[in-house]
Structure formats: structure tokens, C-alpha cells
Amino acid sequence: MRAEFAQAMVGLFKTRSDLVFITGDVGYMALESVAETYGSRFINAGVAEQNAVSLAAGLAREGLQPWVYSMAAFTTLRPHAQIRDNVCLQKLPVKLIGNGGGYGYGIMGATHHALEDVGVMRALPNMKIFVPLVAEDIPRVVQMMASDPHPNYLRLNTAATIAGVAPFSAWRRIKPGRSCVVVAMGPVLQGLYDLERPDLLDELEIWGAGTFPLEPLAGELAVSIQQKRRVVTIEEHYLHTGFGEAFSHLLLTSGVIPQSLISLHAAGYPSGRYGSQRWHQEESGLRGVALAKRLEQVLRG
């Protein structure tokens, strides 16, 4: 999604005069067009995320709209106190962009993975989070963020390649299904399609969640859960503070109580080893044979 994001930021610059783009010394072979377009308003803050966020807060206080870009773990975890104190508590329109959410940086290991970024951002006041699914979501998401006067966090990752997806929104039905509702956060949803198991997909009604805090349940989604009674959530994020917990709470407070709810999520590092993003997803049961077996168990139940 990096290329689409850079293109959207170039387009946004043509419509606004208040933008500043700050990078944490990352974005090689991706942000060159942004740097050329923004000129003196493109700032490389170096490997100093705390300074980058504090700088952004100061610029926002002066009436500008700063966008801070880095790896997801570095955007959200290293400068957390600055985001909390200088941005969120002040309700400033700083836009934080984290690339490679989840296991996106693969073999680089746990220091570069972001398995708790959504939870960390969810806990902050006045923060809205955007989690796109497909590359086509990016222009709309960037426009939504630019129009929001509050702090935002955008979680980028390798886009899912699913045809015919409706425009980005808080809740989207990706496909109908017969007997189970699957609700997923972000491109990890691709793992369902990569199974190449039409027998499984035919049973699954698949939805995507795009924003936090979670908005009230879409009417169609609530009805489907009440009818099918079985729900699976999928996320490339730890269970604690993640989508599964937030969705469970939303169901409970909405009075929509399924017969069963299974949360599939990042398991961390069960083997103590590192590999590609896909390898980590498979180890966590978010792709491949393990995902198929888990879904079969749900459907048999």
C-alpha cells in the first residue's frame, strides 16, 4: 500500500496548503514523489520518532496538518508518550502512518513487528484508526483522514487482492455465505482466499472492519450473526487489546449474542524463530493448513 499512499499524498498536496510530511528516515523507493512535491514541507526527522511527533504537534498547534510516516512499530510504540501527551490530549490533527502492521517486516523480527499497535492507539483519547483492506481503499482513507480534525493512525500493510470490494467504510460485507460469519481486520483476510477451498468459502459470510473505535454494528451484519450464530474474527494482532476483544464487547453491548465466537489472532513467536510475514501468519494459524483446519472445526461445531 506504500505506493498508493504516496500517490494519494501527492494528490492531496494539490488541494491543501497546510500539509507537512515528516518521515523517520524511512520510505526509500516509495516517498521520492512526496519529497519532490512537498519540497521544504517534506522533513526527514531521522531515527528520532519522539522528536518527529513532538515536532508534528507543534506544527499542528500553529494551524498546519502534519503527517508522520514510519514503520508501524516505530510510529506507535517508540513515541507513545509524545502521542498521548502532545497530540491526543491536545486534540491536534496529527496524522500517524505506520507501514508494515502485524508481521509486515517479516525476517527483521519482533523489534520491527507491530502486533499491538492498534491496541496501543485504541487506548488513547480522541484517536481514530483506519485499517484499509485493498489498495483501492487508500485514496478514500487519506481524504477521510485529511477531513478529520482529530488525531488519526493509518495502518498500512501488503494489500489484499480481492476483486469487487465495496468502497472503504467502517463495515463492509466482502461476500455472502451460508453458515458462519467471519469478520476480519485488514489484509490478513487474504488468507481465506489463498486457501483455494471453495467448499469453505461458500460457507463463510465475510466482513471487513475498517475503523476504530468500532462503529455501531451494521444492520446486515447484526442480522447475519443472529441467523448464523457462529462468528470468527481474524486479525494480525495480539488478542489482548485487539479487534477480537473490541468486537466481542460490541456484540455484548449491542445484545447480539452468537452461539460461538472464535478469535484467530497473532500468536507471537511460538517457535522462537523469525521468517517472512506469510510464515509468521501460518505459524499463528492465520494462513494455510492450520487456518483451514480451524475453520473446518468451527463449521463442524
C-alpha atoms as a PDB file:
ATOM      1  CA  MET A   1       0.000   0.000   0.000  1.00  0.00           C
ATOM      2  CA  ARG A   2       3.013   2.348   0.203  1.00  0.00           C
ATOM      3  CA  ALA A   3       2.902   3.330  -3.447  1.00  0.00           C
ATOM      4  CA  GLU A   4      -0.809   4.093  -3.325  1.00  0.00           C
ATOM      5  CA  PHE A   5      -0.324   6.094  -0.133  1.00  0.00           C
ATOM      6  CA  ALA A   6       2.481   8.180  -1.657  1.00  0.00           C
ATOM      7  CA  GLN A   7       0.357   8.842  -4.740  1.00  0.00           C
ATOM      8  CA  ALA A   8      -2.585   9.906  -2.564  1.00  0.00           C
ATOM      9  CA  MET A   9      -0.388  12.282  -0.570  1.00  0.00           C
ATOM     10  CA  VAL A  10       0.877  13.901  -3.771  1.00  0.00           C
ATOM     11  CA  GLY A  11      -2.713  14.390  -4.886  1.00  0.00           C
ATOM     12  CA  LEU A  12      -3.726  15.778  -1.505  1.00  0.00           C
ATOM     13  CA  PHE A  13      -0.964  18.402  -1.640  1.00  0.00           C
ATOM     14  CA  LYS A  14      -2.583  19.869  -4.738  1.00  0.00           C
ATOM     15  CA  THR A  15      -5.788  20.578  -2.827  1.00  0.00           C
ATOM     16  CA  ARG A  16      -4.469  21.861   0.536  1.00  0.00           C
ATOM     17  CA  SER A  17      -1.925  24.461   1.604  1.00  0.00           C
ATOM     18  CA  ASP A  18      -1.472  23.311   5.215  1.00  0.00           C
ATOM     19  CA  LEU A  19       0.276  19.959   4.767  1.00  0.00           C
ATOM     20  CA  VAL A  20       3.645  18.903   6.171  1.00  0.00           C
ATOM     21  CA  PHE A  21       5.097  15.414   5.677  1.00  0.00           C
ATOM     22  CA  ILE A  22       7.554  14.049   8.250  1.00  0.00           C
ATOM     23  CA  THR A  23       9.402  10.762   7.801  1.00  0.00           C
ATOM     24  CA  GLY A  24      11.503   8.885  10.332  1.00  0.00           C
ATOM     25  CA  ASP A  25      14.312   8.240   7.833  1.00  0.00           C
ATOM     26  CA  VAL A  26      12.342   5.510   6.030  1.00  0.00           C
ATOM     27  CA  GLY A  27      10.476   5.326   2.736  1.00  0.00           C
ATOM     28  CA  TYR A  28      13.315   4.781   0.259  1.00  0.00           C
ATOM     29  CA  MET A  29      11.938   3.798  -3.174  1.00  0.00           C
ATOM     30  CA  ALA A  30       8.467   4.899  -2.047  1.00  0.00           C
ATOM     31  CA  LEU A  31       8.371   8.530  -0.903  1.00  0.00           C
ATOM     32  CA  GLU A  32      10.535  10.191  -3.564  1.00  0.00           C
ATOM     33  CA  SER A  33       7.499  11.669  -5.320  1.00  0.00           C
ATOM     34  CA  VAL A  34       6.220  13.016  -1.994  1.00  0.00           C
ATOM     35  CA  ALA A  35       9.579  14.633  -1.241  1.00  0.00           C
ATOM     36  CA  GLU A  36       9.696  16.256  -4.673  1.00  0.00           C
ATOM     37  CA  THR A  37       6.122  17.551  -4.408  1.00  0.00           C
ATOM     38  CA  TYR A  38       6.296  18.814  -0.820  1.00  0.00           C
ATOM     39  CA  GLY A  39       9.714  20.434  -1.133  1.00  0.00           C
ATOM     40  CA  SER A  40      10.584  22.285   2.095  1.00  0.00           C
ATOM     41  CA  ARG A  41       7.471  20.794   3.684  1.00  0.00           C
ATOM     42  CA  PHE A  42       8.980  17.311   3.484  1.00  0.00           C
ATOM     43  CA  ILE A  43      11.047  16.763   6.628  1.00  0.00           C
ATOM     44  CA  ASN A  44      13.304  13.800   7.391  1.00  0.00           C
ATOM     45  CA  ALA A  45      13.371  13.816  11.181  1.00  0.00           C
ATOM     46  CA  GLY A  46      15.854  10.959  11.287  1.00  0.00           C
ATOM     47  CA  VAL A  47      15.683   7.964  13.597  1.00  0.00           C
ATOM     48  CA  ALA A  48      14.009  10.084  16.269  1.00  0.00           C
ATOM     49  CA  GLU A  49      10.309   9.297  16.378  1.00  0.00           C
ATOM     50  CA  GLN A  50       9.710  11.099  19.666  1.00  0.00           C
ATOM     51  CA  ASN A  51      11.085  14.291  18.157  1.00  0.00           C
ATOM     52  CA  ALA A  52       9.083  13.739  14.972  1.00  0.00           C
ATOM     53  CA  VAL A  53       5.793  13.503  16.879  1.00  0.00           C
ATOM     54  CA  SER A  54       6.593  16.496  19.092  1.00  0.00           C
ATOM     55  CA  LEU A  55       7.539  18.499  16.001  1.00  0.00           C
ATOM     56  CA  ALA A  56       4.256  17.456  14.389  1.00  0.00           C
ATOM     57  CA  ALA A  57       2.324  18.546  17.471  1.00  0.00           C
ATOM     58  CA  GLY A  58       3.954  21.962  17.359  1.00  0.00           C
ATOM     59  CA  LEU A  59       3.198  22.368  13.671  1.00  0.00           C
ATOM     60  CA  ALA A  60      -0.406  21.325  14.244  1.00  0.00           C
ATOM     61  CA  ARG A  61      -0.696  23.869  17.052  1.00  0.00           C
ATOM     62  CA  GLU A  62       0.305  26.511  14.501  1.00  0.00           C
ATOM     63  CA  GLY A  63      -2.507  25.506  12.151  1.00  0.00           C
ATOM     64  CA  LEU A  64      -0.761  23.012   9.892  1.00  0.00           C
ATOM     65  CA  GLN A  65      -1.709  19.388   9.262  1.00  0.00           C
ATOM     66  CA  PRO A  66       1.377  17.177   9.715  1.00  0.00           C
ATOM     67  CA  TRP A  67       1.593  13.555   8.546  1.00  0.00           C
ATOM     68  CA  VAL A  68       4.209  11.408  10.306  1.00  0.00           C
ATOM     69  CA  TYR A  69       5.369   8.267   8.477  1.00  0.00           C
ATOM     70  CA  SER A  70       7.490   5.351   9.701  1.00  0.00           C
ATOM     71  CA  MET A  71       7.365   1.615  10.316  1.00  0.00           C
ATOM     72  CA  ALA A  72       4.257   0.759  12.330  1.00  0.00           C
ATOM     73  CA  ALA A  73       6.186  -0.322  15.436  1.00  0.00           C
ATOM     74  CA  PHE A  74       8.229   2.885  15.375  1.00  0.00           C
ATOM     75  CA  THR A  75       5.259   5.164  14.684  1.00  0.00           C
ATOM     76  CA  THR A  76       3.166   3.878  17.572  1.00  0.00           C
ATOM     77  CA  LEU A  77       5.421   2.390  20.266  1.00  0.00           C
ATOM     78  CA  ARG A  78       8.588   4.488  20.490  1.00  0.00           C
ATOM     79  CA  PRO A  79       6.842   7.883  20.700  1.00  0.00           C
ATOM     80  CA  HIS A  80       3.805   6.722  22.671  1.00  0.00           C
ATOM     81  CA  ALA A  81       4.162   9.299  25.453  1.00  0.00           C
ATOM     82  CA  GLN A  82       4.502  12.108  22.916  1.00  0.00           C
ATOM     83  CA  ILE A  83       1.424  10.884  21.025  1.00  0.00           C
ATOM     84  CA  ARG A  84      -0.557  10.719  24.261  1.00  0.00           C
ATOM     85  CA  ASP A  85       0.547  13.988  25.827  1.00  0.00           C
ATOM     86  CA  ASN A  86       1.343  16.260  22.901  1.00  0.00           C
ATOM     87  CA  VAL A  87      -1.177  15.065  20.306  1.00  0.00           C
ATOM     88  CA  CYS A  88      -4.168  13.205  21.711  1.00  0.00           C
ATOM     89  CA  LEU A  89      -4.732  15.117  24.936  1.00  0.00           C
ATOM     90  CA  GLN A  90      -4.484  18.333  22.914  1.00  0.00           C
ATOM     91  CA  LYS A  91      -6.859  17.036  20.204  1.00  0.00           C
ATOM     92  CA  LEU A  92      -4.422  18.032  17.463  1.00  0.00           C
ATOM     93  CA  PRO A  93      -4.882  16.866  13.847  1.00  0.00           C
ATOM     94  CA  VAL A  94      -1.621  14.916  13.616  1.00  0.00           C
ATOM     95  CA  LYS A  95      -1.843  12.008  11.174  1.00  0.00           C
ATOM     96  CA  LEU A  96       0.313   8.990  12.044  1.00  0.00           C
ATOM     97  CA  ILE A  97       1.107   6.402   9.368  1.00  0.00           C
ATOM     98  CA  GLY A  98       2.544   3.013  10.258  1.00  0.00           C
ATOM     99  CA  ASN A  99       3.768   0.828   7.432  1.00  0.00           C
ATOM    100  CA  GLY A 100       4.056  -2.942   7.805  1.00  0.00           C
ATOM    101  CA  GLY A 101       1.472  -3.548  10.527  1.00  0.00           C
ATOM    102  CA  GLY A 102       1.440  -7.000  12.087  1.00  0.00           C
ATOM    103  CA  TYR A 103       4.287  -9.200  10.839  1.00  0.00           C
ATOM    104  CA  GLY A 104       4.802  -6.938   7.826  1.00  0.00           C
ATOM    105  CA  TYR A 105       8.562  -6.634   8.274  1.00  0.00           C
ATOM    106  CA  GLY A 106       8.982 -10.397   8.456  1.00  0.00           C
ATOM    107  CA  ILE A 107      12.543 -11.575   8.951  1.00  0.00           C
ATOM    108  CA  MET A 108      13.530  -8.289  10.657  1.00  0.00           C
ATOM    109  CA  GLY A 109      11.987  -9.761  13.782  1.00  0.00           C
ATOM    110  CA  ALA A 110       9.981  -8.699  16.797  1.00  0.00           C
ATOM    111  CA  THR A 111      11.534  -5.231  17.130  1.00  0.00           C
ATOM    112  CA  HIS A 112      10.117  -4.370  13.693  1.00  0.00           C
ATOM    113  CA  HIS A 113       6.764  -6.145  14.079  1.00  0.00           C
ATOM    114  CA  ALA A 114       3.632  -4.332  15.216  1.00  0.00           C
ATOM    115  CA  LEU A 115       1.343  -6.834  16.910  1.00  0.00           C
ATOM    116  CA  GLU A 116      -0.061  -4.390  19.462  1.00  0.00           C
ATOM    117  CA  ASP A 117      -0.154  -1.121  17.505  1.00  0.00           C
ATOM    118  CA  VAL A 118      -3.937  -0.981  17.129  1.00  0.00           C
ATOM    119  CA  GLY A 119      -4.404  -1.706  20.835  1.00  0.00           C
ATOM    120  CA  VAL A 120      -1.899   0.956  21.842  1.00  0.00           C
ATOM    121  CA  MET A 121      -3.633   3.532  19.638  1.00  0.00           C
ATOM    122  CA  ARG A 122      -7.130   2.411  20.709  1.00  0.00           C
ATOM    123  CA  ALA A 123      -6.318   3.249  24.309  1.00  0.00           C
ATOM    124  CA  LEU A 124      -5.561   6.888  23.523  1.00  0.00           C
ATOM    125  CA  PRO A 125      -8.227   9.591  23.782  1.00  0.00           C
ATOM    126  CA  ASN A 126      -9.518  11.284  20.614  1.00  0.00           C
ATOM    127  CA  MET A 127      -7.674   8.840  18.323  1.00  0.00           C
ATOM    128  CA  LYS A 128      -9.318   7.307  15.249  1.00  0.00           C
ATOM    129  CA  ILE A 129      -7.700   4.342  13.487  1.00  0.00           C
ATOM    130  CA  PHE A 130      -8.001   3.361   9.834  1.00  0.00           C
ATOM    131  CA  VAL A 131      -7.183  -0.162   8.610  1.00  0.00           C
ATOM    132  CA  PRO A 132      -7.545  -0.462   4.819  1.00  0.00           C
ATOM    133  CA  LEU A 133      -8.025  -3.825   3.123  1.00  0.00           C
ATOM    134  CA  VAL A 134      -7.246  -3.334  -0.568  1.00  0.00           C
ATOM    135  CA  ALA A 135      -5.070  -0.822  -2.405  1.00  0.00           C
ATOM    136  CA  GLU A 136      -8.149   0.924  -3.762  1.00  0.00           C
ATOM    137  CA  ASP A 137      -9.029   1.970  -0.194  1.00  0.00           C
ATOM    138  CA  ILE A 138      -6.064   4.293   0.179  1.00  0.00           C
ATOM    139  CA  PRO A 139      -7.226   7.432  -1.682  1.00  0.00           C
ATOM    140  CA  ARG A 140     -10.561   7.433   0.160  1.00  0.00           C
ATOM    141  CA  VAL A 141      -8.905   6.805   3.536  1.00  0.00           C
ATOM    142  CA  VAL A 142      -6.407   9.638   3.010  1.00  0.00           C
ATOM    143  CA  GLN A 143      -9.260  12.003   2.177  1.00  0.00           C
ATOM    144  CA  MET A 144     -11.193  10.897   5.267  1.00  0.00           C
ATOM    145  CA  MET A 145      -8.162  11.467   7.468  1.00  0.00           C
ATOM    146  CA  ALA A 146      -7.437  14.873   5.952  1.00  0.00           C
ATOM    147  CA  SER A 147     -11.029  15.917   6.684  1.00  0.00           C
ATOM    148  CA  ASP A 148     -10.931  14.723  10.313  1.00  0.00           C
ATOM    149  CA  PRO A 149      -9.895  17.450  12.807  1.00  0.00           C
ATOM    150  CA  HIS A 150      -8.665  14.844  15.330  1.00  0.00           C
ATOM    151  CA  PRO A 151      -5.580  12.605  15.598  1.00  0.00           C
ATOM    152  CA  ASN A 152      -5.546   9.582  13.292  1.00  0.00           C
ATOM    153  CA  TYR A 153      -3.500   6.422  12.834  1.00  0.00           C
ATOM    154  CA  LEU A 154      -3.294   4.640   9.479  1.00  0.00           C
ATOM    155  CA  ARG A 155      -2.110   1.017   9.498  1.00  0.00           C
ATOM    156  CA  LEU A 156      -0.601   0.072   6.128  1.00  0.00           C
ATOM    157  CA  ASN A 157       0.277  -3.442   5.004  1.00  0.00           C
ATOM    158  CA  THR A 158       0.509  -5.565   1.884  1.00  0.00           C
ATOM    159  CA  ALA A 159      -2.887  -5.081   0.273  1.00  0.00           C
ATOM    160  CA  ALA A 160      -5.333  -7.929  -0.169  1.00  0.00           C
ATOM    161  CA  THR A 161      -6.140  -8.723  -3.799  1.00  0.00           C
ATOM    162  CA  ILE A 162      -9.875  -9.306  -3.686  1.00  0.00           C
ATOM    163  CA  ALA A 163     -11.958  -8.175  -6.640  1.00  0.00           C
ATOM    164  CA  GLY A 164     -15.236  -6.313  -6.351  1.00  0.00           C
ATOM    165  CA  VAL A 165     -14.789  -4.955  -2.822  1.00  0.00           C
ATOM    166  CA  ALA A 166     -17.128  -2.084  -1.942  1.00  0.00           C
ATOM    167  CA  PRO A 167     -15.603   1.346  -1.147  1.00  0.00           C
ATOM    168  CA  PHE A 168     -13.885   1.720   2.206  1.00  0.00           C
ATOM    169  CA  SER A 169     -16.192   2.021   5.206  1.00  0.00           C
ATOM    170  CA  ALA A 170     -16.374   1.035   8.860  1.00  0.00           C
ATOM    171  CA  TRP A 171     -18.148  -2.234   7.979  1.00  0.00           C
ATOM    172  CA  ARG A 172     -18.110  -3.957   4.581  1.00  0.00           C
ATOM    173  CA  ARG A 173     -19.594  -7.252   3.517  1.00  0.00           C
ATOM    174  CA  ILE A 174     -16.994  -8.817   1.258  1.00  0.00           C
ATOM    175  CA  LYS A 175     -19.035 -11.868   0.252  1.00  0.00           C
ATOM    176  CA  PRO A 176     -22.177 -13.773   1.289  1.00  0.00           C
ATOM    177  CA  GLY A 177     -22.044 -17.206   2.908  1.00  0.00           C
ATOM    178  CA  ARG A 178     -24.285 -19.931   4.275  1.00  0.00           C
ATOM    179  CA  SER A 179     -23.416 -20.857   7.830  1.00  0.00           C
ATOM    180  CA  CYS A 180     -20.732 -18.756   9.563  1.00  0.00           C
ATOM    181  CA  VAL A 181     -19.841 -15.062   9.785  1.00  0.00           C
ATOM    182  CA  VAL A 182     -16.157 -14.129   9.543  1.00  0.00           C
ATOM    183  CA  VAL A 183     -15.177 -10.568  10.468  1.00  0.00           C
ATOM    184  CA  ALA A 184     -11.574  -9.571   9.808  1.00  0.00           C
ATOM    185  CA  MET A 185      -9.350  -6.560  10.401  1.00  0.00           C
ATOM    186  CA  GLY A 186      -7.203  -5.652   7.421  1.00  0.00           C
ATOM    187  CA  PRO A 187      -5.447  -7.581   4.631  1.00  0.00           C
ATOM    188  CA  VAL A 188      -4.926 -10.731   6.740  1.00  0.00           C
ATOM    189  CA  LEU A 189      -8.316 -11.577   5.217  1.00  0.00           C
ATOM    190  CA  GLN A 190      -6.383 -12.603   2.098  1.00  0.00           C
ATOM    191  CA  GLY A 191      -5.501 -15.871   3.826  1.00  0.00           C
ATOM    192  CA  LEU A 192      -9.089 -17.091   3.413  1.00  0.00           C
ATOM    193  CA  TYR A 193      -8.921 -16.672  -0.356  1.00  0.00           C
ATOM    194  CA  ASP A 194      -5.460 -18.179  -0.677  1.00  0.00           C
ATOM    195  CA  LEU A 195      -6.787 -21.453   0.730  1.00  0.00           C
ATOM    196  CA  GLU A 196      -8.421 -22.105  -2.641  1.00  0.00           C
ATOM    197  CA  ARG A 197     -11.155 -24.035  -0.855  1.00  0.00           C
ATOM    198  CA  PRO A 198     -14.484 -23.144  -2.484  1.00  0.00           C
ATOM    199  CA  ASP A 199     -16.206 -25.562  -0.116  1.00  0.00           C
ATOM    200  CA  LEU A 200     -15.065 -23.449   2.842  1.00  0.00           C
ATOM    201  CA  LEU A 201     -15.629 -20.056   1.239  1.00  0.00           C
ATOM    202  CA  ASP A 202     -19.187 -20.966   0.281  1.00  0.00           C
ATOM    203  CA  GLU A 203     -19.973 -21.425   3.975  1.00  0.00           C
ATOM    204  CA  LEU A 204     -18.397 -18.139   5.101  1.00  0.00           C
ATOM    205  CA  GLU A 205     -20.049 -14.748   5.031  1.00  0.00           C
ATOM    206  CA  ILE A 206     -17.040 -12.439   5.156  1.00  0.00           C
ATOM    207  CA  TRP A 207     -16.966  -8.894   6.509  1.00  0.00           C
ATOM    208  CA  GLY A 208     -14.177  -6.369   6.902  1.00  0.00           C
ATOM    209  CA  ALA A 209     -13.811  -3.870   9.753  1.00  0.00           C
ATOM    210  CA  GLY A 210     -12.079  -0.648   8.758  1.00  0.00           C
ATOM    211  CA  THR A 211     -12.065   1.818  11.660  1.00  0.00           C
ATOM    212  CA  PHE A 212     -11.605   2.140  15.422  1.00  0.00           C
ATOM    213  CA  PRO A 213     -13.299   2.951  17.694  1.00  0.00           C
ATOM    214  CA  LEU A 214     -15.703   0.411  16.262  1.00  0.00           C
ATOM    215  CA  GLU A 215     -18.875   1.999  14.975  1.00  0.00           C
ATOM    216  CA  PRO A 216     -22.295   0.502  15.813  1.00  0.00           C
ATOM    217  CA  LEU A 217     -22.887  -2.804  14.065  1.00  0.00           C
ATOM    218  CA  ALA A 218     -24.119  -2.565  10.507  1.00  0.00           C
ATOM    219  CA  GLY A 219     -27.720  -3.791  10.420  1.00  0.00           C
ATOM    220  CA  GLU A 220     -26.978  -6.544   7.885  1.00  0.00           C
ATOM    221  CA  LEU A 221     -24.063  -7.790   9.980  1.00  0.00           C
ATOM    222  CA  ALA A 222     -26.144  -7.952  13.144  1.00  0.00           C
ATOM    223  CA  VAL A 223     -28.897  -9.878  11.345  1.00  0.00           C
ATOM    224  CA  SER A 224     -26.420 -12.334   9.819  1.00  0.00           C
ATOM    225  CA  ILE A 225     -24.827 -13.064  13.201  1.00  0.00           C
ATOM    226  CA  GLN A 226     -28.234 -13.640  14.795  1.00  0.00           C
ATOM    227  CA  GLN A 227     -29.169 -16.018  11.977  1.00  0.00           C
ATOM    228  CA  LYS A 228     -25.932 -17.976  11.565  1.00  0.00           C
ATOM    229  CA  ARG A 229     -24.974 -17.993  15.267  1.00  0.00           C
ATOM    230  CA  ARG A 230     -21.295 -18.741  14.577  1.00  0.00           C
ATOM    231  CA  VAL A 231     -18.681 -15.970  14.377  1.00  0.00           C
ATOM    232  CA  VAL A 232     -14.948 -15.988  13.671  1.00  0.00           C
ATOM    233  CA  THR A 233     -12.739 -12.908  13.995  1.00  0.00           C
ATOM    234  CA  ILE A 234      -9.345 -12.721  12.274  1.00  0.00           C
ATOM    235  CA  GLU A 235      -6.566 -10.210  12.910  1.00  0.00           C
ATOM    236  CA  GLU A 236      -2.796  -9.937  12.514  1.00  0.00           C
ATOM    237  CA  HIS A 237      -2.556  -8.519  16.021  1.00  0.00           C
ATOM    238  CA  TYR A 238      -2.424  -9.859  19.550  1.00  0.00           C
ATOM    239  CA  LEU A 239      -5.751 -10.911  21.050  1.00  0.00           C
ATOM    240  CA  HIS A 240      -5.403  -8.579  24.030  1.00  0.00           C
ATOM    241  CA  THR A 241      -6.456  -5.032  23.067  1.00  0.00           C
ATOM    242  CA  GLY A 242      -7.096  -6.179  19.513  1.00  0.00           C
ATOM    243  CA  PHE A 243     -10.062  -6.417  17.208  1.00  0.00           C
ATOM    244  CA  GLY A 244     -11.474  -9.649  18.643  1.00  0.00           C
ATOM    245  CA  GLU A 245     -11.804  -8.163  22.113  1.00  0.00           C
ATOM    246  CA  ALA A 246     -13.315  -4.928  20.822  1.00  0.00           C
ATOM    247  CA  PHE A 247     -15.775  -6.801  18.614  1.00  0.00           C
ATOM    248  CA  SER A 248     -16.803  -9.127  21.446  1.00  0.00           C
ATOM    249  CA  HIS A 249     -17.587  -6.124  23.623  1.00  0.00           C
ATOM    250  CA  LEU A 250     -19.555  -4.501  20.813  1.00  0.00           C
ATOM    251  CA  LEU A 251     -21.644  -7.649  20.307  1.00  0.00           C
ATOM    252  CA  LEU A 252     -22.369  -7.921  24.035  1.00  0.00           C
ATOM    253  CA  THR A 253     -23.396  -4.298  24.450  1.00  0.00           C
ATOM    254  CA  SER A 254     -25.489  -4.473  21.267  1.00  0.00           C
ATOM    255  CA  GLY A 255     -27.400  -7.500  22.503  1.00  0.00           C
ATOM    256  CA  VAL A 256     -26.197  -9.608  19.570  1.00  0.00           C
ATOM    257  CA  ILE A 257     -25.081 -12.862  21.181  1.00  0.00           C
ATOM    258  CA  PRO A 258     -23.770 -15.644  18.894  1.00  0.00           C
ATOM    259  CA  GLN A 259     -23.719 -19.295  19.849  1.00  0.00           C
ATOM    260  CA  SER A 260     -19.928 -19.352  19.386  1.00  0.00           C
ATOM    261  CA  LEU A 261     -17.203 -16.789  18.799  1.00  0.00           C
ATOM    262  CA  ILE A 262     -13.679 -17.840  17.864  1.00  0.00           C
ATOM    263  CA  SER A 263     -10.880 -15.248  17.685  1.00  0.00           C
ATOM    264  CA  LEU A 264      -7.959 -16.034  15.380  1.00  0.00           C
ATOM    265  CA  HIS A 265      -5.020 -13.733  16.071  1.00  0.00           C
ATOM    266  CA  ALA A 266      -1.251 -13.359  16.083  1.00  0.00           C
ATOM    267  CA  ALA A 267       0.336 -15.892  18.400  1.00  0.00           C
ATOM    268  CA  GLY A 268       3.624 -14.046  18.765  1.00  0.00           C
ATOM    269  CA  TYR A 269       6.610 -16.373  18.309  1.00  0.00           C
ATOM    270  CA  PRO A 270       5.693 -19.939  19.342  1.00  0.00           C
ATOM    271  CA  SER A 271       8.829 -21.445  17.791  1.00  0.00           C
ATOM    272  CA  GLY A 272      11.145 -18.626  18.827  1.00  0.00           C
ATOM    273  CA  ARG A 273      12.149 -18.162  15.199  1.00  0.00           C
ATOM    274  CA  TYR A 274      11.622 -15.430  12.600  1.00  0.00           C
ATOM    275  CA  GLY A 275      10.618 -15.692   8.960  1.00  0.00           C
ATOM    276  CA  SER A 276       8.567 -13.996   6.284  1.00  0.00           C
ATOM    277  CA  GLN A 277       5.226 -12.370   7.022  1.00  0.00           C
ATOM    278  CA  ARG A 278       3.472 -15.313   5.429  1.00  0.00           C
ATOM    279  CA  TRP A 279       5.493 -17.769   7.561  1.00  0.00           C
ATOM    280  CA  HIS A 280       4.512 -15.960  10.764  1.00  0.00           C
ATOM    281  CA  GLN A 281       0.868 -15.891   9.698  1.00  0.00           C
ATOM    282  CA  GLU A 282       0.967 -19.647   9.077  1.00  0.00           C
ATOM    283  CA  GLU A 283       2.588 -20.263  12.467  1.00  0.00           C
ATOM    284  CA  SER A 284      -0.225 -18.258  14.057  1.00  0.00           C
ATOM    285  CA  GLY A 285      -2.904 -20.187  12.177  1.00  0.00           C
ATOM    286  CA  LEU A 286      -3.886 -17.184  10.070  1.00  0.00           C
ATOM    287  CA  ARG A 287      -2.984 -18.842   6.758  1.00  0.00           C
ATOM    288  CA  GLY A 288      -2.547 -22.201   5.169  1.00  0.00           C
ATOM    289  CA  VAL A 289      -3.376 -25.643   6.537  1.00  0.00           C
ATOM    290  CA  ALA A 290      -3.794 -24.502  10.143  1.00  0.00           C
ATOM    291  CA  LEU A 291      -6.355 -21.871   9.115  1.00  0.00           C
ATOM    292  CA  ALA A 292      -8.298 -24.405   7.048  1.00  0.00           C
ATOM    293  CA  LYS A 293      -8.383 -26.891   9.932  1.00  0.00           C
ATOM    294  CA  ARG A 294      -9.608 -24.267  12.383  1.00  0.00           C
ATOM    295  CA  LEU A 295     -12.390 -23.192  10.044  1.00  0.00           C
ATOM    296  CA  GLU A 296     -13.401 -26.823   9.475  1.00  0.00           C
ATOM    297  CA  GLN A 297     -13.692 -27.279  13.239  1.00  0.00           C
ATOM    298  CA  VAL A 298     -15.916 -24.222  13.526  1.00  0.00           C
ATOM    299  CA  LEU A 299     -18.167 -25.407  10.723  1.00  0.00           C
ATOM    300  CA  ARG A 300     -18.465 -28.893  12.184  1.00  0.00           C
ATOM    301  CA  GLY A 301     -19.392 -27.444  15.549  1.00  0.00           C
END
